[in-house]
Amino acid sequence: MPKLRKVSGEETIRVLEKLGFQQVRQRGGHVVLKKQTSEKVIGCVVPLHKELAVGTLRGILKQAGVSVDEFMENL
């Protein structure tokens, strides 16, 4: 499993959009993304920080249902 590195909120949003997520709304420094699957709607919130902490990024990926491998491949 590749190790997560620090990335910006904008980079994270770009990768999630590659994986099928769409920006729904933004309030201040947080962007809400959603993805419609056959079973349900998956949503996640990404803060627009210059550098996301690794733990924050893990939480975002868990919300989005994206594996670390999948994220790093699309980075």
PDB file of N, CA and C in Angstrom:
ATOM      1  N   MET A   1       0.846  -1.174   0.000  1.00  0.00           N
ATOM      2  CA  MET A   1       0.000   0.000   0.000  1.00  0.00           C
ATOM      3  C   MET A   1       0.893   1.240   0.000  1.00  0.00           C
ATOM      4  N   PRO A   2       0.665   2.165  -0.950  1.00  0.00           N
ATOM      5  CA  PRO A   2       1.479   3.370  -0.977  1.00  0.00           C
ATOM      6  C   PRO A   2       1.157   4.267   0.214  1.00  0.00           C
ATOM      7  N   LYS A   3       2.156   4.997   0.631  1.00  0.00           N
ATOM      8  CA  LYS A   3       1.988   5.880   1.766  1.00  0.00           C
ATOM      9  C   LYS A   3       1.347   7.184   1.304  1.00  0.00           C
ATOM     10  N   LEU A   4       0.399   7.684   2.084  1.00  0.00           N
ATOM     11  CA  LEU A   4      -0.229   8.956   1.751  1.00  0.00           C
ATOM     12  C   LEU A   4       0.754  10.082   1.983  1.00  0.00           C
ATOM     13  N   ARG A   5       0.719  11.064   1.110  1.00  0.00           N
ATOM     14  CA  ARG A   5       1.551  12.237   1.310  1.00  0.00           C
ATOM     15  C   ARG A   5       0.635  13.440   1.469  1.00  0.00           C
ATOM     16  N   LYS A   6       1.184  14.522   1.943  1.00  0.00           N
ATOM     17  CA  LYS A   6       0.376  15.719   2.134  1.00  0.00           C
ATOM     18  C   LYS A   6       0.051  16.334   0.780  1.00  0.00           C
ATOM     19  N   VAL A   7      -1.218  16.621   0.574  1.00  0.00           N
ATOM     20  CA  VAL A   7      -1.685  17.254  -0.656  1.00  0.00           C
ATOM     21  C   VAL A   7      -2.603  18.410  -0.271  1.00  0.00           C
ATOM     22  N   SER A   8      -2.870  19.278  -1.210  1.00  0.00           N
ATOM     23  CA  SER A   8      -3.765  20.408  -0.935  1.00  0.00           C
ATOM     24  C   SER A   8      -5.219  19.964  -1.097  1.00  0.00           C
ATOM     25  N   GLY A   9      -6.122  20.789  -0.617  1.00  0.00           N
ATOM     26  CA  GLY A   9      -7.538  20.504  -0.777  1.00  0.00           C
ATOM     27  C   GLY A   9      -7.937  20.505  -2.247  1.00  0.00           C
ATOM     28  N   GLU A  10      -7.346  21.422  -3.026  1.00  0.00           N
ATOM     29  CA  GLU A  10      -7.664  21.500  -4.457  1.00  0.00           C
ATOM     30  C   GLU A  10      -7.209  20.244  -5.198  1.00  0.00           C
ATOM     31  N   GLU A  11      -6.031  19.721  -4.848  1.00  0.00           N
ATOM     32  CA  GLU A  11      -5.541  18.476  -5.466  1.00  0.00           C
ATOM     33  C   GLU A  11      -6.472  17.315  -5.133  1.00  0.00           C
ATOM     34  N   THR A  12      -6.921  17.273  -3.891  1.00  0.00           N
ATOM     35  CA  THR A  12      -7.829  16.213  -3.456  1.00  0.00           C
ATOM     36  C   THR A  12      -9.135  16.273  -4.235  1.00  0.00           C
ATOM     37  N   ILE A  13      -9.664  17.475  -4.409  1.00  0.00           N
ATOM     38  CA  ILE A  13     -10.907  17.650  -5.167  1.00  0.00           C
ATOM     39  C   ILE A  13     -10.703  17.197  -6.609  1.00  0.00           C
ATOM     40  N   ARG A  14      -9.575  17.549  -7.206  1.00  0.00           N
ATOM     41  CA  ARG A  14      -9.293  17.167  -8.597  1.00  0.00           C
ATOM     42  C   ARG A  14      -9.288  15.648  -8.757  1.00  0.00           C
ATOM     43  N   VAL A  15      -8.654  14.943  -7.820  1.00  0.00           N
ATOM     44  CA  VAL A  15      -8.599  13.477  -7.885  1.00  0.00           C
ATOM     45  C   VAL A  15      -9.987  12.886  -7.693  1.00  0.00           C
ATOM     46  N   LEU A  16     -10.754  13.393  -6.734  1.00  0.00           N
ATOM     47  CA  LEU A  16     -12.099  12.871  -6.498  1.00  0.00           C
ATOM     48  C   LEU A  16     -13.005  13.117  -7.704  1.00  0.00           C
ATOM     49  N   GLU A  17     -12.817  14.236  -8.391  1.00  0.00           N
ATOM     50  CA  GLU A  17     -13.600  14.485  -9.605  1.00  0.00           C
ATOM     51  C   GLU A  17     -13.239  13.494 -10.701  1.00  0.00           C
ATOM     52  N   LYS A  18     -11.965  13.102 -10.781  1.00  0.00           N
ATOM     53  CA  LYS A  18     -11.557  12.059 -11.737  1.00  0.00           C
ATOM     54  C   LYS A  18     -12.265  10.747 -11.438  1.00  0.00           C
ATOM     55  N   LEU A  19     -12.538  10.523 -10.145  1.00  0.00           N
ATOM     56  CA  LEU A  19     -13.170   9.277  -9.707  1.00  0.00           C
ATOM     57  C   LEU A  19     -14.696   9.344  -9.745  1.00  0.00           C
ATOM     58  N   GLY A  20     -15.255  10.409 -10.316  1.00  0.00           N
ATOM     59  CA  GLY A  20     -16.698  10.469 -10.516  1.00  0.00           C
ATOM     60  C   GLY A  20     -17.473  11.384  -9.584  1.00  0.00           C
ATOM     61  N   PHE A  21     -16.806  12.072  -8.673  1.00  0.00           N
ATOM     62  CA  PHE A  21     -17.492  12.982  -7.758  1.00  0.00           C
ATOM     63  C   PHE A  21     -17.735  14.318  -8.459  1.00  0.00           C
ATOM     64  N   GLN A  22     -18.784  15.024  -8.027  1.00  0.00           N
ATOM     65  CA  GLN A  22     -19.098  16.343  -8.557  1.00  0.00           C
ATOM     66  C   GLN A  22     -19.236  17.320  -7.404  1.00  0.00           C
ATOM     67  N   GLN A  23     -18.772  18.555  -7.623  1.00  0.00           N
ATOM     68  CA  GLN A  23     -18.938  19.580  -6.606  1.00  0.00           C
ATOM     69  C   GLN A  23     -20.400  19.973  -6.551  1.00  0.00           C
ATOM     70  N   VAL A  24     -20.962  19.919  -5.350  1.00  0.00           N
ATOM     71  CA  VAL A  24     -22.368  20.260  -5.164  1.00  0.00           C
ATOM     72  C   VAL A  24     -22.499  21.695  -4.669  1.00  0.00           C
ATOM     73  N   ARG A  25     -21.687  22.043  -3.686  1.00  0.00           N
ATOM     74  CA  ARG A  25     -21.733  23.404  -3.142  1.00  0.00           C
ATOM     75  C   ARG A  25     -20.442  23.704  -2.384  1.00  0.00           C
ATOM     76  N   GLN A  26     -20.284  24.981  -2.078  1.00  0.00           N
ATOM     77  CA  GLN A  26     -19.135  25.416  -1.291  1.00  0.00           C
ATOM     78  C   GLN A  26     -19.620  26.443  -0.289  1.00  0.00           C
ATOM     79  N   ARG A  27     -19.140  26.302   0.920  1.00  0.00           N
ATOM     80  CA  ARG A  27     -19.459  27.298   1.936  1.00  0.00           C
ATOM     81  C   ARG A  27     -18.154  27.668   2.623  1.00  0.00           C
ATOM     82  N   GLY A  28     -17.714  28.880   2.389  1.00  0.00           N
ATOM     83  CA  GLY A  28     -16.449  29.308   2.963  1.00  0.00           C
ATOM     84  C   GLY A  28     -15.311  28.484   2.406  1.00  0.00           C
ATOM     85  N   GLY A  29     -14.546  27.863   3.286  1.00  0.00           N
ATOM     86  CA  GLY A  29     -13.380  27.086   2.878  1.00  0.00           C
ATOM     87  C   GLY A  29     -13.624  25.601   2.768  1.00  0.00           C
ATOM     88  N   HIS A  30     -14.878  25.171   2.634  1.00  0.00           N
ATOM     89  CA  HIS A  30     -15.187  23.752   2.523  1.00  0.00           C
ATOM     90  C   HIS A  30     -16.033  23.480   1.273  1.00  0.00           C
ATOM     91  N   VAL A  31     -15.663  22.437   0.546  1.00  0.00           N
ATOM     92  CA  VAL A  31     -16.376  22.047  -0.664  1.00  0.00           C
ATOM     93  C   VAL A  31     -17.052  20.705  -0.418  1.00  0.00           C
ATOM     94  N   VAL A  32     -18.328  20.603  -0.782  1.00  0.00           N
ATOM     95  CA  VAL A  32     -19.084  19.352  -0.639  1.00  0.00           C
ATOM     96  C   VAL A  32     -19.128  18.676  -2.008  1.00  0.00           C
ATOM     97  N   LEU A  33     -18.708  17.399  -2.041  1.00  0.00           N
ATOM     98  CA  LEU A  33     -18.720  16.610  -3.271  1.00  0.00           C
ATOM     99  C   LEU A  33     -19.656  15.434  -3.101  1.00  0.00           C
ATOM    100  N   LYS A  34     -20.314  15.040  -4.185  1.00  0.00           N
ATOM    101  CA  LYS A  34     -21.209  13.880  -4.139  1.00  0.00           C
ATOM    102  C   LYS A  34     -21.009  13.030  -5.375  1.00  0.00           C
ATOM    103  N   LYS A  35     -21.333  11.743  -5.208  1.00  0.00           N
ATOM    104  CA  LYS A  35     -21.244  10.790  -6.311  1.00  0.00           C
ATOM    105  C   LYS A  35     -22.438   9.853  -6.205  1.00  0.00           C
ATOM    106  N   GLN A  36     -23.152   9.683  -7.303  1.00  0.00           N
ATOM    107  CA  GLN A  36     -24.315   8.795  -7.342  1.00  0.00           C
ATOM    108  C   GLN A  36     -23.857   7.412  -7.796  1.00  0.00           C
ATOM    109  N   THR A  37     -24.081   6.394  -6.971  1.00  0.00           N
ATOM    110  CA  THR A  37     -23.798   5.018  -7.361  1.00  0.00           C
ATOM    111  C   THR A  37     -25.130   4.306  -7.540  1.00  0.00           C
ATOM    112  N   SER A  38     -25.077   3.069  -7.970  1.00  0.00           N
ATOM    113  CA  SER A  38     -26.319   2.320  -8.170  1.00  0.00           C
ATOM    114  C   SER A  38     -27.045   2.076  -6.848  1.00  0.00           C
ATOM    115  N   GLU A  39     -26.296   2.003  -5.744  1.00  0.00           N
ATOM    116  CA  GLU A  39     -26.909   1.712  -4.448  1.00  0.00           C
ATOM    117  C   GLU A  39     -27.277   2.951  -3.643  1.00  0.00           C
ATOM    118  N   LYS A  40     -26.412   3.992  -3.682  1.00  0.00           N
ATOM    119  CA  LYS A  40     -26.641   5.157  -2.821  1.00  0.00           C
ATOM    120  C   LYS A  40     -25.869   6.366  -3.328  1.00  0.00           C
ATOM    121  N   VAL A  41     -26.065   7.473  -2.629  1.00  0.00           N
ATOM    122  CA  VAL A  41     -25.319   8.695  -2.914  1.00  0.00           C
ATOM    123  C   VAL A  41     -24.203   8.795  -1.871  1.00  0.00           C
ATOM    124  N   ILE A  42     -22.977   8.992  -2.347  1.00  0.00           N
ATOM    125  CA  ILE A  42     -21.827   9.115  -1.460  1.00  0.00           C
ATOM    126  C   ILE A  42     -21.422  10.574  -1.430  1.00  0.00           C
ATOM    127  N   GLY A  43     -21.243  11.108  -0.239  1.00  0.00           N
ATOM    128  CA  GLY A  43     -20.850  12.505  -0.104  1.00  0.00           C
ATOM    129  C   GLY A  43     -19.629  12.649   0.773  1.00  0.00           C
ATOM    130  N   CYS A  44     -18.863  13.704   0.533  1.00  0.00           N
ATOM    131  CA  CYS A  44     -17.720  14.001   1.387  1.00  0.00           C
ATOM    132  C   CYS A  44     -17.454  15.498   1.368  1.00  0.00           C
ATOM    133  N   VAL A  45     -16.771  15.971   2.386  1.00  0.00           N
ATOM    134  CA  VAL A  45     -16.453  17.384   2.537  1.00  0.00           C
ATOM    135  C   VAL A  45     -14.939  17.536   2.518  1.00  0.00           C
ATOM    136  N   VAL A  46     -14.450  18.458   1.681  1.00  0.00           N
ATOM    137  CA  VAL A  46     -13.009  18.687   1.568  1.00  0.00           C
ATOM    138  C   VAL A  46     -12.718  20.139   1.937  1.00  0.00           C
ATOM    139  N   PRO A  47     -11.864  20.368   2.950  1.00  0.00           N
ATOM    140  CA  PRO A  47     -11.470  21.738   3.280  1.00  0.00           C
ATOM    141  C   PRO A  47     -10.438  22.240   2.271  1.00  0.00           C
ATOM    142  N   LEU A  48     -10.502  23.512   1.942  1.00  0.00           N
ATOM    143  CA  LEU A  48      -9.585  24.082   0.960  1.00  0.00           C
ATOM    144  C   LEU A  48      -8.319  24.612   1.637  1.00  0.00           C
ATOM    145  N   HIS A  49      -7.595  23.716   2.277  1.00  0.00           N
ATOM    146  CA  HIS A  49      -6.336  24.084   2.912  1.00  0.00           C
ATOM    147  C   HIS A  49      -5.201  23.919   1.915  1.00  0.00           C
ATOM    148  N   LYS A  50      -4.105  24.660   2.136  1.00  0.00           N
ATOM    149  CA  LYS A  50      -2.938  24.513   1.266  1.00  0.00           C
ATOM    150  C   LYS A  50      -2.334  23.131   1.420  1.00  0.00           C
ATOM    151  N   GLU A  51      -2.416  22.588   2.625  1.00  0.00           N
ATOM    152  CA  GLU A  51      -1.858  21.267   2.910  1.00  0.00           C
ATOM    153  C   GLU A  51      -2.783  20.537   3.879  1.00  0.00           C
ATOM    154  N   LEU A  52      -3.347  19.408   3.432  1.00  0.00           N
ATOM    155  CA  LEU A  52      -4.209  18.611   4.309  1.00  0.00           C
ATOM    156  C   LEU A  52      -3.346  17.682   5.144  1.00  0.00           C
ATOM    157  N   ALA A  53      -3.659  17.569   6.413  1.00  0.00           N
ATOM    158  CA  ALA A  53      -2.966  16.613   7.263  1.00  0.00           C
ATOM    159  C   ALA A  53      -3.314  15.203   6.783  1.00  0.00           C
ATOM    160  N   VAL A  54      -2.408  14.265   6.981  1.00  0.00           N
ATOM    161  CA  VAL A  54      -2.610  12.898   6.506  1.00  0.00           C
ATOM    162  C   VAL A  54      -3.864  12.289   7.137  1.00  0.00           C
ATOM    163  N   GLY A  55      -4.101  12.559   8.403  1.00  0.00           N
ATOM    164  CA  GLY A  55      -5.288  12.033   9.078  1.00  0.00           C
ATOM    165  C   GLY A  55      -6.581  12.603   8.502  1.00  0.00           C
ATOM    166  N   THR A  56      -6.559  13.878   8.151  1.00  0.00           N
ATOM    167  CA  THR A  56      -7.721  14.512   7.528  1.00  0.00           C
ATOM    168  C   THR A  56      -7.993  13.883   6.171  1.00  0.00           C
ATOM    169  N   LEU A  57      -6.925  13.663   5.394  1.00  0.00           N
ATOM    170  CA  LEU A  57      -7.073  13.050   4.076  1.00  0.00           C
ATOM    171  C   LEU A  57      -7.622  11.636   4.197  1.00  0.00           C
ATOM    172  N   ARG A  58      -7.149  10.879   5.184  1.00  0.00           N
ATOM    173  CA  ARG A  58      -7.681   9.523   5.409  1.00  0.00           C
ATOM    174  C   ARG A  58      -9.184   9.576   5.704  1.00  0.00           C
ATOM    175  N   GLY A  59      -9.599  10.537   6.515  1.00  0.00           N
ATOM    176  CA  GLY A  59     -11.011  10.691   6.843  1.00  0.00           C
ATOM    177  C   GLY A  59     -11.850  11.016   5.614  1.00  0.00           C
ATOM    178  N   ILE A  60     -11.321  11.885   4.749  1.00  0.00           N
ATOM    179  CA  ILE A  60     -12.026  12.243   3.514  1.00  0.00           C
ATOM    180  C   ILE A  60     -12.171  11.012   2.630  1.00  0.00           C
ATOM    181  N   LEU A  61     -11.096  10.236   2.484  1.00  0.00           N
ATOM    182  CA  LEU A  61     -11.134   9.038   1.648  1.00  0.00           C
ATOM    183  C   LEU A  61     -12.102   8.005   2.211  1.00  0.00           C
ATOM    184  N   LYS A  62     -12.166   7.903   3.535  1.00  0.00           N
ATOM    185  CA  LYS A  62     -13.094   6.963   4.170  1.00  0.00           C
ATOM    186  C   LYS A  62     -14.535   7.389   3.893  1.00  0.00           C
ATOM    187  N   GLN A  63     -14.823   8.703   4.017  1.00  0.00           N
ATOM    188  CA  GLN A  63     -16.159   9.225   3.706  1.00  0.00           C
ATOM    189  C   GLN A  63     -16.532   8.919   2.262  1.00  0.00           C
ATOM    190  N   ALA A  64     -15.551   9.095   1.361  1.00  0.00           N
ATOM    191  CA  ALA A  64     -15.795   8.936  -0.071  1.00  0.00           C
ATOM    192  C   ALA A  64     -15.810   7.478  -0.508  1.00  0.00           C
ATOM    193  N   GLY A  65     -15.339   6.571   0.347  1.00  0.00           N
ATOM    194  CA  GLY A  65     -15.282   5.162  -0.020  1.00  0.00           C
ATOM    195  C   GLY A  65     -14.204   4.886  -1.055  1.00  0.00           C
ATOM    196  N   VAL A  66     -13.116   5.644  -0.998  1.00  0.00           N
ATOM    197  CA  VAL A  66     -11.999   5.505  -1.946  1.00  0.00           C
ATOM    198  C   VAL A  66     -10.809   4.928  -1.197  1.00  0.00           C
ATOM    199  N   SER A  67     -10.161   3.939  -1.786  1.00  0.00           N
ATOM    200  CA  SER A  67      -8.985   3.345  -1.139  1.00  0.00           C
ATOM    201  C   SER A  67      -7.773   4.245  -1.346  1.00  0.00           C
ATOM    202  N   VAL A  68      -6.778   4.082  -0.486  1.00  0.00           N
ATOM    203  CA  VAL A  68      -5.540   4.847  -0.582  1.00  0.00           C
ATOM    204  C   VAL A  68      -4.853   4.548  -1.919  1.00  0.00           C
ATOM    205  N   ASP A  69      -4.851   3.278  -2.313  1.00  0.00           N
ATOM    206  CA  ASP A  69      -4.232   2.878  -3.588  1.00  0.00           C
ATOM    207  C   ASP A  69      -4.890   3.600  -4.761  1.00  0.00           C
ATOM    208  N   GLU A  70      -6.213   3.595  -4.775  1.00  0.00           N
ATOM    209  CA  GLU A  70      -6.960   4.227  -5.863  1.00  0.00           C
ATOM    210  C   GLU A  70      -6.680   5.729  -5.913  1.00  0.00           C
ATOM    211  N   PHE A  71      -6.615   6.349  -4.737  1.00  0.00           N
ATOM    212  CA  PHE A  71      -6.344   7.783  -4.651  1.00  0.00           C
ATOM    213  C   PHE A  71      -4.952   8.101  -5.190  1.00  0.00           C
ATOM    214  N   MET A  72      -3.948   7.339  -4.739  1.00  0.00           N
ATOM    215  CA  MET A  72      -2.570   7.602  -5.136  1.00  0.00           C
ATOM    216  C   MET A  72      -2.347   7.347  -6.616  1.00  0.00           C
ATOM    217  N   GLU A  73      -3.039   6.383  -7.203  1.00  0.00           N
ATOM    218  CA  GLU A  73      -2.916   6.103  -8.641  1.00  0.00           C
ATOM    219  C   GLU A  73      -3.426   7.261  -9.485  1.00  0.00           C
ATOM    220  N   ASN A  74      -4.450   7.956  -8.986  1.00  0.00           N
ATOM    221  CA  ASN A  74      -5.061   9.053  -9.732  1.00  0.00           C
ATOM    222  C   ASN A  74      -4.488  10.410  -9.401  1.00  0.00           C
ATOM    223  N   LEU A  75      -3.533  10.453  -8.474  1.00  0.00           N
ATOM    224  CA  LEU A  75      -2.952  11.711  -8.043  1.00  0.00           C
ATOM    225  C   LEU A  75      -2.095  12.338  -9.093  1.00  0.00           C
TER     226      LEU A  75
END
